Amino acid sequence: MLGEDEDISLIISDDEVKSVVRMGVHNVIHSFETDLSSLLLNLTHEVEAADNTIMRRVSDLEWMCNVLPKMDLMKIFVSNWIAISSKILVIIEDEKFEHVRWGLKVKLIEVTCKVFEAVSYGSVIVPAPSRVQLLKTWFPYIRKMKPLLDSKASEETNFAYKMDEDLCQAIEGAIVSLVLTLPSNDQAGILADWIGSREVGYPDLSEAFEVWSYRSKSAKRRLVEGLHGPSDEAISS
């Protein structure tokens, strides 16, 4: 109905509907967190049922990422996702899941990409500390998972889980834009970490680094000129 009904604008503008949706978003996300936590405790014979449940939860999250922007409620999802991201990664990076649940790992990256895009392109406005937290939480994980998934795909002919080209480009573009919205010191820290990493190939933050460098040099030049007046070099140029 939300995708096809011609009168959808009447529904999504209703305050009561929005109130119910806000509560629903919170409940679904935290149900997902609870179910994900329970994976660590499941017995062997419960694994299949638990997998089915958690993948249904992820499908719900994906669906919400498509619907909530139509209702101007994506900020609710983004705020909740940022709040539980660290917990999600603590669970999914547990040694119990080191060589399994690749499909879930890719889906988590896909959902996070939606969040990155919403924040980096301005459709959702969150405070700078939240943007920093979002990026610092997920950037190292994505940077680690991309080469790992590529390696698995090259080793196993039937390995079906990967970050396809569209997803990779979407994440890279969103991260570049997101980095450039951060305070300069936070940009510097993230870019320094990227430069120092062995896997600087993906995501490529060269554009963000160039913009940050230009802004930093311009800011330094303006500061010097403000303190001492225009330099001879600046006048001559």
C-alpha atoms as a PDB file:
ATOM      1  CA  MET A   1       0.000   0.000   0.000  1.00  0.00           C
ATOM      2  CA  LEU A   2       2.794   2.413   0.886  1.00  0.00           C
ATOM      3  CA  GLY A   3       4.420   1.810  -2.462  1.00  0.00           C
ATOM      4  CA  GLU A   4       1.477   1.829  -4.817  1.00  0.00           C
ATOM      5  CA  ASP A   5      -1.597   3.540  -3.338  1.00  0.00           C
ATOM      6  CA  GLU A   6      -2.381   6.828  -5.083  1.00  0.00           C
ATOM      7  CA  ASP A   7      -3.720   8.290  -1.829  1.00  0.00           C
ATOM      8  CA  ILE A   8      -0.610   7.449   0.133  1.00  0.00           C
ATOM      9  CA  SER A   9       0.175  11.130   0.759  1.00  0.00           C
ATOM     10  CA  LEU A  10      -2.990  11.358   2.888  1.00  0.00           C
ATOM     11  CA  ILE A  11      -1.881   8.402   4.976  1.00  0.00           C
ATOM     12  CA  ILE A  12       1.750   9.323   5.540  1.00  0.00           C
ATOM     13  CA  SER A  13       0.889  12.868   6.571  1.00  0.00           C
ATOM     14  CA  ASP A  14      -1.411  11.715   9.378  1.00  0.00           C
ATOM     15  CA  ASP A  15       0.145  12.440  12.800  1.00  0.00           C
ATOM     16  CA  GLU A  16      -1.412   9.382  14.413  1.00  0.00           C
ATOM     17  CA  VAL A  17      -0.022   7.137  11.683  1.00  0.00           C
ATOM     18  CA  LYS A  18       3.415   8.677  12.128  1.00  0.00           C
ATOM     19  CA  SER A  19       3.275   8.141  15.869  1.00  0.00           C
ATOM     20  CA  VAL A  20       2.487   4.454  15.403  1.00  0.00           C
ATOM     21  CA  VAL A  21       5.248   4.125  12.791  1.00  0.00           C
ATOM     22  CA  ARG A  22       7.813   5.704  15.127  1.00  0.00           C
ATOM     23  CA  MET A  23       6.981   3.168  17.790  1.00  0.00           C
ATOM     24  CA  GLY A  24       7.069   0.373  15.231  1.00  0.00           C
ATOM     25  CA  VAL A  25      10.509   1.365  13.976  1.00  0.00           C
ATOM     26  CA  HIS A  26      11.887   1.360  17.506  1.00  0.00           C
ATOM     27  CA  ASN A  27      10.335  -2.023  18.259  1.00  0.00           C
ATOM     28  CA  VAL A  28      11.537  -3.692  15.048  1.00  0.00           C
ATOM     29  CA  ILE A  29      15.105  -2.458  15.419  1.00  0.00           C
ATOM     30  CA  HIS A  30      15.371  -3.520  19.032  1.00  0.00           C
ATOM     31  CA  SER A  31      13.703  -6.857  18.288  1.00  0.00           C
ATOM     32  CA  PHE A  32      16.411  -7.338  15.691  1.00  0.00           C
ATOM     33  CA  GLU A  33      19.064  -6.536  18.285  1.00  0.00           C
ATOM     34  CA  THR A  34      17.521  -9.030  20.720  1.00  0.00           C
ATOM     35  CA  ASP A  35      17.279 -11.798  18.110  1.00  0.00           C
ATOM     36  CA  LEU A  36      20.843 -11.134  16.992  1.00  0.00           C
ATOM     37  CA  SER A  37      22.062 -11.402  20.569  1.00  0.00           C
ATOM     38  CA  SER A  38      20.234 -14.697  20.969  1.00  0.00           C
ATOM     39  CA  LEU A  39      22.266 -16.211  18.108  1.00  0.00           C
ATOM     40  CA  LEU A  40      25.207 -16.487  20.473  1.00  0.00           C
ATOM     41  CA  LEU A  41      23.160 -18.655  22.818  1.00  0.00           C
ATOM     42  CA  ASN A  42      21.356 -20.932  20.352  1.00  0.00           C
ATOM     43  CA  LEU A  43      21.859 -24.667  20.518  1.00  0.00           C
ATOM     44  CA  THR A  44      22.817 -26.568  17.377  1.00  0.00           C
ATOM     45  CA  HIS A  45      19.306 -27.824  16.626  1.00  0.00           C
ATOM     46  CA  GLU A  46      17.956 -24.262  16.870  1.00  0.00           C
ATOM     47  CA  VAL A  47      20.339 -22.720  14.362  1.00  0.00           C
ATOM     48  CA  GLU A  48      18.131 -22.984  11.277  1.00  0.00           C
ATOM     49  CA  ALA A  49      15.103 -21.459  13.003  1.00  0.00           C
ATOM     50  CA  ALA A  50      17.241 -18.656  14.421  1.00  0.00           C
ATOM     51  CA  ASP A  51      18.736 -17.949  10.991  1.00  0.00           C
ATOM     52  CA  ASN A  52      15.286 -17.706   9.435  1.00  0.00           C
ATOM     53  CA  THR A  53      14.107 -15.339  12.150  1.00  0.00           C
ATOM     54  CA  ILE A  54      17.086 -13.015  11.919  1.00  0.00           C
ATOM     55  CA  MET A  55      16.935 -12.828   8.120  1.00  0.00           C
ATOM     56  CA  ARG A  56      13.231 -11.931   8.323  1.00  0.00           C
ATOM     57  CA  ARG A  57      14.186  -9.156  10.713  1.00  0.00           C
ATOM     58  CA  VAL A  58      16.771  -7.871   8.258  1.00  0.00           C
ATOM     59  CA  SER A  59      14.172  -7.906   5.475  1.00  0.00           C
ATOM     60  CA  ASP A  60      11.963  -5.764   7.723  1.00  0.00           C
ATOM     61  CA  LEU A  61      14.838  -3.325   8.196  1.00  0.00           C
ATOM     62  CA  GLU A  62      15.408  -3.093   4.447  1.00  0.00           C
ATOM     63  CA  TRP A  63      11.706  -2.509   3.852  1.00  0.00           C
ATOM     64  CA  MET A  64      11.667   0.301   6.399  1.00  0.00           C
ATOM     65  CA  CYS A  65      14.649   1.965   4.733  1.00  0.00           C
ATOM     66  CA  ASN A  66      12.589   2.152   1.531  1.00  0.00           C
ATOM     67  CA  VAL A  67       9.340   3.320   3.140  1.00  0.00           C
ATOM     68  CA  LEU A  68      10.405   5.717   5.891  1.00  0.00           C
ATOM     69  CA  PRO A  69      11.893   8.382   3.566  1.00  0.00           C
ATOM     70  CA  LYS A  70       8.440   8.724   1.983  1.00  0.00           C
ATOM     71  CA  MET A  71       7.090   9.626   5.421  1.00  0.00           C
ATOM     72  CA  ASP A  72      10.002  11.899   6.419  1.00  0.00           C
ATOM     73  CA  LEU A  73      10.701   9.483   9.253  1.00  0.00           C
ATOM     74  CA  MET A  74      14.059   8.064   8.201  1.00  0.00           C
ATOM     75  CA  LYS A  75      15.699  10.009  11.041  1.00  0.00           C
ATOM     76  CA  ILE A  76      13.992   7.662  13.527  1.00  0.00           C
ATOM     77  CA  PHE A  77      15.622   4.669  11.858  1.00  0.00           C
ATOM     78  CA  VAL A  78      19.007   6.378  11.582  1.00  0.00           C
ATOM     79  CA  SER A  79      19.055   7.400  15.262  1.00  0.00           C
ATOM     80  CA  ASN A  80      18.133   3.915  16.428  1.00  0.00           C
ATOM     81  CA  TRP A  81      20.645   2.291  14.071  1.00  0.00           C
ATOM     82  CA  ILE A  82      23.465   4.491  15.321  1.00  0.00           C
ATOM     83  CA  ALA A  83      22.495   3.669  18.906  1.00  0.00           C
ATOM     84  CA  ILE A  84      22.775  -0.106  18.438  1.00  0.00           C
ATOM     85  CA  SER A  85      25.556  -0.292  15.828  1.00  0.00           C
ATOM     86  CA  SER A  86      28.337  -1.015  18.306  1.00  0.00           C
ATOM     87  CA  LYS A  87      26.301  -3.820  19.864  1.00  0.00           C
ATOM     88  CA  ILE A  88      25.570  -5.289  16.424  1.00  0.00           C
ATOM     89  CA  LEU A  89      29.251  -5.443  15.542  1.00  0.00           C
ATOM     90  CA  VAL A  90      30.269  -6.904  18.903  1.00  0.00           C
ATOM     91  CA  ILE A  91      27.889  -9.786  18.184  1.00  0.00           C
ATOM     92  CA  ILE A  92      28.552 -10.345  14.485  1.00  0.00           C
ATOM     93  CA  GLU A  93      32.331 -10.181  14.989  1.00  0.00           C
ATOM     94  CA  ASP A  94      32.250 -12.804  17.722  1.00  0.00           C
ATOM     95  CA  GLU A  95      34.578 -15.697  16.917  1.00  0.00           C
ATOM     96  CA  LYS A  96      31.532 -17.976  16.738  1.00  0.00           C
ATOM     97  CA  PHE A  97      30.517 -16.229  13.506  1.00  0.00           C
ATOM     98  CA  GLU A  98      33.974 -15.768  12.014  1.00  0.00           C
ATOM     99  CA  HIS A  99      33.405 -18.150   9.097  1.00  0.00           C
ATOM    100  CA  VAL A 100      29.609 -18.244   8.864  1.00  0.00           C
ATOM    101  CA  ARG A 101      26.531 -16.076   8.248  1.00  0.00           C
ATOM    102  CA  TRP A 102      28.021 -14.272   5.272  1.00  0.00           C
ATOM    103  CA  GLY A 103      24.567 -13.410   3.966  1.00  0.00           C
ATOM    104  CA  LEU A 104      23.685 -11.650   7.217  1.00  0.00           C
ATOM    105  CA  LYS A 105      26.957  -9.737   7.178  1.00  0.00           C
ATOM    106  CA  VAL A 106      26.322  -8.455   3.654  1.00  0.00           C
ATOM    107  CA  LYS A 107      22.746  -7.481   4.539  1.00  0.00           C
ATOM    108  CA  LEU A 108      23.991  -5.482   7.521  1.00  0.00           C
ATOM    109  CA  ILE A 109      26.330  -3.599   5.215  1.00  0.00           C
ATOM    110  CA  GLU A 110      23.466  -2.937   2.778  1.00  0.00           C
ATOM    111  CA  VAL A 111      21.283  -1.513   5.553  1.00  0.00           C
ATOM    112  CA  THR A 112      24.183   0.590   6.821  1.00  0.00           C
ATOM    113  CA  CYS A 113      24.689   1.916   3.290  1.00  0.00           C
ATOM    114  CA  LYS A 114      21.109   3.246   3.384  1.00  0.00           C
ATOM    115  CA  VAL A 115      21.911   4.991   6.650  1.00  0.00           C
ATOM    116  CA  PHE A 116      25.160   6.410   5.258  1.00  0.00           C
ATOM    117  CA  GLU A 117      23.330   7.784   2.226  1.00  0.00           C
ATOM    118  CA  ALA A 118      20.562   9.352   4.307  1.00  0.00           C
ATOM    119  CA  VAL A 119      23.060  11.146   6.559  1.00  0.00           C
ATOM    120  CA  SER A 120      25.762  12.051   4.044  1.00  0.00           C
ATOM    121  CA  TYR A 121      23.418  13.529   1.419  1.00  0.00           C
ATOM    122  CA  GLY A 122      21.421  15.578   3.915  1.00  0.00           C
ATOM    123  CA  SER A 123      18.028  13.903   3.882  1.00  0.00           C
ATOM    124  CA  VAL A 124      18.568  13.133   7.581  1.00  0.00           C
ATOM    125  CA  ILE A 125      20.277  15.672   9.825  1.00  0.00           C
ATOM    126  CA  VAL A 126      22.031  14.326  12.914  1.00  0.00           C
ATOM    127  CA  PRO A 127      24.579  16.037  15.198  1.00  0.00           C
ATOM    128  CA  ALA A 128      28.257  15.845  14.317  1.00  0.00           C
ATOM    129  CA  PRO A 129      29.078  13.459  17.224  1.00  0.00           C
ATOM    130  CA  SER A 130      26.477  11.010  15.859  1.00  0.00           C
ATOM    131  CA  ARG A 131      27.949  11.237  12.350  1.00  0.00           C
ATOM    132  CA  VAL A 132      31.406  10.582  13.752  1.00  0.00           C
ATOM    133  CA  GLN A 133      30.130   7.632  15.770  1.00  0.00           C
ATOM    134  CA  LEU A 134      28.353   6.157  12.743  1.00  0.00           C
ATOM    135  CA  LEU A 135      31.434   6.379  10.555  1.00  0.00           C
ATOM    136  CA  LYS A 136      33.958   5.224  13.142  1.00  0.00           C
ATOM    137  CA  THR A 137      31.764   2.236  14.007  1.00  0.00           C
ATOM    138  CA  TRP A 138      31.088   0.909  10.496  1.00  0.00           C
ATOM    139  CA  PHE A 139      34.003   2.143   8.381  1.00  0.00           C
ATOM    140  CA  PRO A 140      36.587  -0.317   9.783  1.00  0.00           C
ATOM    141  CA  TYR A 141      34.142  -3.214   9.461  1.00  0.00           C
ATOM    142  CA  ILE A 142      33.284  -2.470   5.840  1.00  0.00           C
ATOM    143  CA  ARG A 143      36.944  -1.918   5.008  1.00  0.00           C
ATOM    144  CA  LYS A 144      37.724  -5.337   6.490  1.00  0.00           C
ATOM    145  CA  MET A 145      34.786  -7.215   4.967  1.00  0.00           C
ATOM    146  CA  LYS A 146      35.234  -6.145   1.334  1.00  0.00           C
ATOM    147  CA  PRO A 147      38.578  -7.916   0.708  1.00  0.00           C
ATOM    148  CA  LEU A 148      37.459 -10.858   2.846  1.00  0.00           C
ATOM    149  CA  LEU A 149      34.309 -11.394   0.770  1.00  0.00           C
ATOM    150  CA  ASP A 150      36.285 -10.980  -2.453  1.00  0.00           C
ATOM    151  CA  SER A 151      38.758 -13.582  -1.269  1.00  0.00           C
ATOM    152  CA  LYS A 152      35.995 -16.041  -0.369  1.00  0.00           C
ATOM    153  CA  ALA A 153      34.382 -15.545  -3.777  1.00  0.00           C
ATOM    154  CA  SER A 154      37.672 -16.262  -5.567  1.00  0.00           C
ATOM    155  CA  GLU A 155      38.326 -19.395  -3.497  1.00  0.00           C
ATOM    156  CA  GLU A 156      34.807 -20.869  -3.616  1.00  0.00           C
ATOM    157  CA  THR A 157      33.002 -21.084  -6.945  1.00  0.00           C
ATOM    158  CA  ASN A 158      29.551 -21.246  -5.366  1.00  0.00           C
ATOM    159  CA  PHE A 159      30.092 -18.496  -2.814  1.00  0.00           C
ATOM    160  CA  ALA A 160      27.037 -16.278  -3.319  1.00  0.00           C
ATOM    161  CA  TYR A 161      27.690 -13.451  -0.898  1.00  0.00           C
ATOM    162  CA  LYS A 162      29.504 -10.355  -2.010  1.00  0.00           C
ATOM    163  CA  MET A 163      29.377  -6.590  -2.144  1.00  0.00           C
ATOM    164  CA  ASP A 164      28.394  -5.971  -5.745  1.00  0.00           C
ATOM    165  CA  GLU A 165      29.669  -3.023  -7.759  1.00  0.00           C
ATOM    166  CA  ASP A 166      26.602  -0.856  -7.176  1.00  0.00           C
ATOM    167  CA  LEU A 167      26.772  -1.368  -3.418  1.00  0.00           C
ATOM    168  CA  CYS A 168      30.505  -0.657  -3.348  1.00  0.00           C
ATOM    169  CA  GLN A 169      30.085   2.571  -5.313  1.00  0.00           C
ATOM    170  CA  ALA A 170      27.143   3.674  -3.165  1.00  0.00           C
ATOM    171  CA  ILE A 171      29.087   3.090   0.058  1.00  0.00           C
ATOM    172  CA  GLU A 172      32.228   4.778  -1.216  1.00  0.00           C
ATOM    173  CA  GLY A 173      30.354   7.851  -2.429  1.00  0.00           C
ATOM    174  CA  ALA A 174      28.370   8.119   0.803  1.00  0.00           C
ATOM    175  CA  ILE A 175      31.462   7.729   2.991  1.00  0.00           C
ATOM    176  CA  VAL A 176      33.365  10.401   1.046  1.00  0.00           C
ATOM    177  CA  SER A 177      30.438  12.805   1.448  1.00  0.00           C
ATOM    178  CA  LEU A 178      29.998  11.860   5.094  1.00  0.00           C
ATOM    179  CA  VAL A 179      33.653  12.417   5.932  1.00  0.00           C
ATOM    180  CA  LEU A 180      33.455  15.912   4.448  1.00  0.00           C
ATOM    181  CA  THR A 181      30.548  16.824   6.761  1.00  0.00           C
ATOM    182  CA  LEU A 182      32.599  16.107   9.886  1.00  0.00           C
ATOM    183  CA  PRO A 183      34.625  18.588  11.958  1.00  0.00           C
ATOM    184  CA  SER A 184      38.130  19.009  10.566  1.00  0.00           C
ATOM    185  CA  ASN A 185      39.873  17.173  13.419  1.00  0.00           C
ATOM    186  CA  ASP A 186      37.596  14.159  13.004  1.00  0.00           C
ATOM    187  CA  GLN A 187      38.201  14.196   9.260  1.00  0.00           C
ATOM    188  CA  ALA A 188      41.936  14.231   9.906  1.00  0.00           C
ATOM    189  CA  GLY A 189      41.719  11.255  12.264  1.00  0.00           C
ATOM    190  CA  ILE A 190      39.654   9.139   9.869  1.00  0.00           C
ATOM    191  CA  LEU A 191      41.810  10.024   6.871  1.00  0.00           C
ATOM    192  CA  ALA A 192      45.008   9.304   8.811  1.00  0.00           C
ATOM    193  CA  ASP A 193      43.618   5.890   9.742  1.00  0.00           C
ATOM    194  CA  TRP A 194      42.698   5.273   6.100  1.00  0.00           C
ATOM    195  CA  ILE A 195      46.155   6.257   4.854  1.00  0.00           C
ATOM    196  CA  GLY A 196      47.805   4.047   7.468  1.00  0.00           C
ATOM    197  CA  SER A 197      45.725   1.028   6.563  1.00  0.00           C
ATOM    198  CA  ARG A 198      47.104  -1.701   4.355  1.00  0.00           C
ATOM    199  CA  GLU A 199      43.791  -1.897   2.517  1.00  0.00           C
ATOM    200  CA  VAL A 200      43.541   1.677   1.272  1.00  0.00           C
ATOM    201  CA  GLY A 201      42.126   0.400  -2.008  1.00  0.00           C
ATOM    202  CA  TYR A 202      38.560   0.339  -0.696  1.00  0.00           C
ATOM    203  CA  PRO A 203      36.875   2.532   0.002  1.00  0.00           C
ATOM    204  CA  ASP A 204      38.944   5.121  -1.841  1.00  0.00           C
ATOM    205  CA  LEU A 205      38.927   8.331   0.189  1.00  0.00           C
ATOM    206  CA  SER A 206      41.340  10.201  -2.074  1.00  0.00           C
ATOM    207  CA  GLU A 207      38.697  12.779  -2.980  1.00  0.00           C
ATOM    208  CA  ALA A 208      37.889  13.439   0.658  1.00  0.00           C
ATOM    209  CA  PHE A 209      41.599  13.726   1.469  1.00  0.00           C
ATOM    210  CA  GLU A 210      42.165  16.257  -1.319  1.00  0.00           C
ATOM    211  CA  VAL A 211      39.223  18.397  -0.225  1.00  0.00           C
ATOM    212  CA  TRP A 212      40.300  18.241   3.423  1.00  0.00           C
ATOM    213  CA  SER A 213      43.869  19.210   2.492  1.00  0.00           C
ATOM    214  CA  TYR A 214      42.662  22.162   0.425  1.00  0.00           C
ATOM    215  CA  ARG A 215      40.325  23.362   3.175  1.00  0.00           C
ATOM    216  CA  SER A 216      43.044  22.997   5.821  1.00  0.00           C
ATOM    217  CA  LYS A 217      45.571  24.967   3.777  1.00  0.00           C
ATOM    218  CA  SER A 218      43.004  27.671   3.039  1.00  0.00           C
ATOM    219  CA  ALA A 219      42.042  27.924   6.702  1.00  0.00           C
ATOM    220  CA  LYS A 220      45.694  28.165   7.755  1.00  0.00           C
ATOM    221  CA  ARG A 221      46.356  30.852   5.164  1.00  0.00           C
ATOM    222  CA  ARG A 222      43.340  32.874   6.318  1.00  0.00           C
ATOM    223  CA  LEU A 223      44.498  32.547   9.933  1.00  0.00           C
ATOM    224  CA  VAL A 224      47.997  33.781   9.083  1.00  0.00           C
ATOM    225  CA  GLU A 225      46.599  36.665   7.082  1.00  0.00           C
ATOM    226  CA  GLY A 226      44.249  37.543   9.919  1.00  0.00           C
ATOM    227  CA  LEU A 227      47.085  37.638  12.432  1.00  0.00           C
ATOM    228  CA  HIS A 228      49.811  39.278  10.331  1.00  0.00           C
ATOM    229  CA  GLY A 229      48.058  40.717   7.300  1.00  0.00           C
ATOM    230  CA  PRO A 230      48.415  39.354   3.742  1.00  0.00           C
ATOM    231  CA  SER A 231      51.755  37.721   3.116  1.00  0.00           C
ATOM    232  CA  ASP A 232      54.021  38.952   0.308  1.00  0.00           C
ATOM    233  CA  GLU A 233      53.400  35.683  -1.496  1.00  0.00           C
ATOM    234  CA  ALA A 234      49.626  36.113  -1.308  1.00  0.00           C
ATOM    235  CA  ILE A 235      49.884  39.734  -2.528  1.00  0.00           C
ATOM    236  CA  SER A 236      52.100  38.811  -5.457  1.00  0.00           C
ATOM    237  CA  SER A 237      49.773  35.998  -6.472  1.00  0.00           C
END
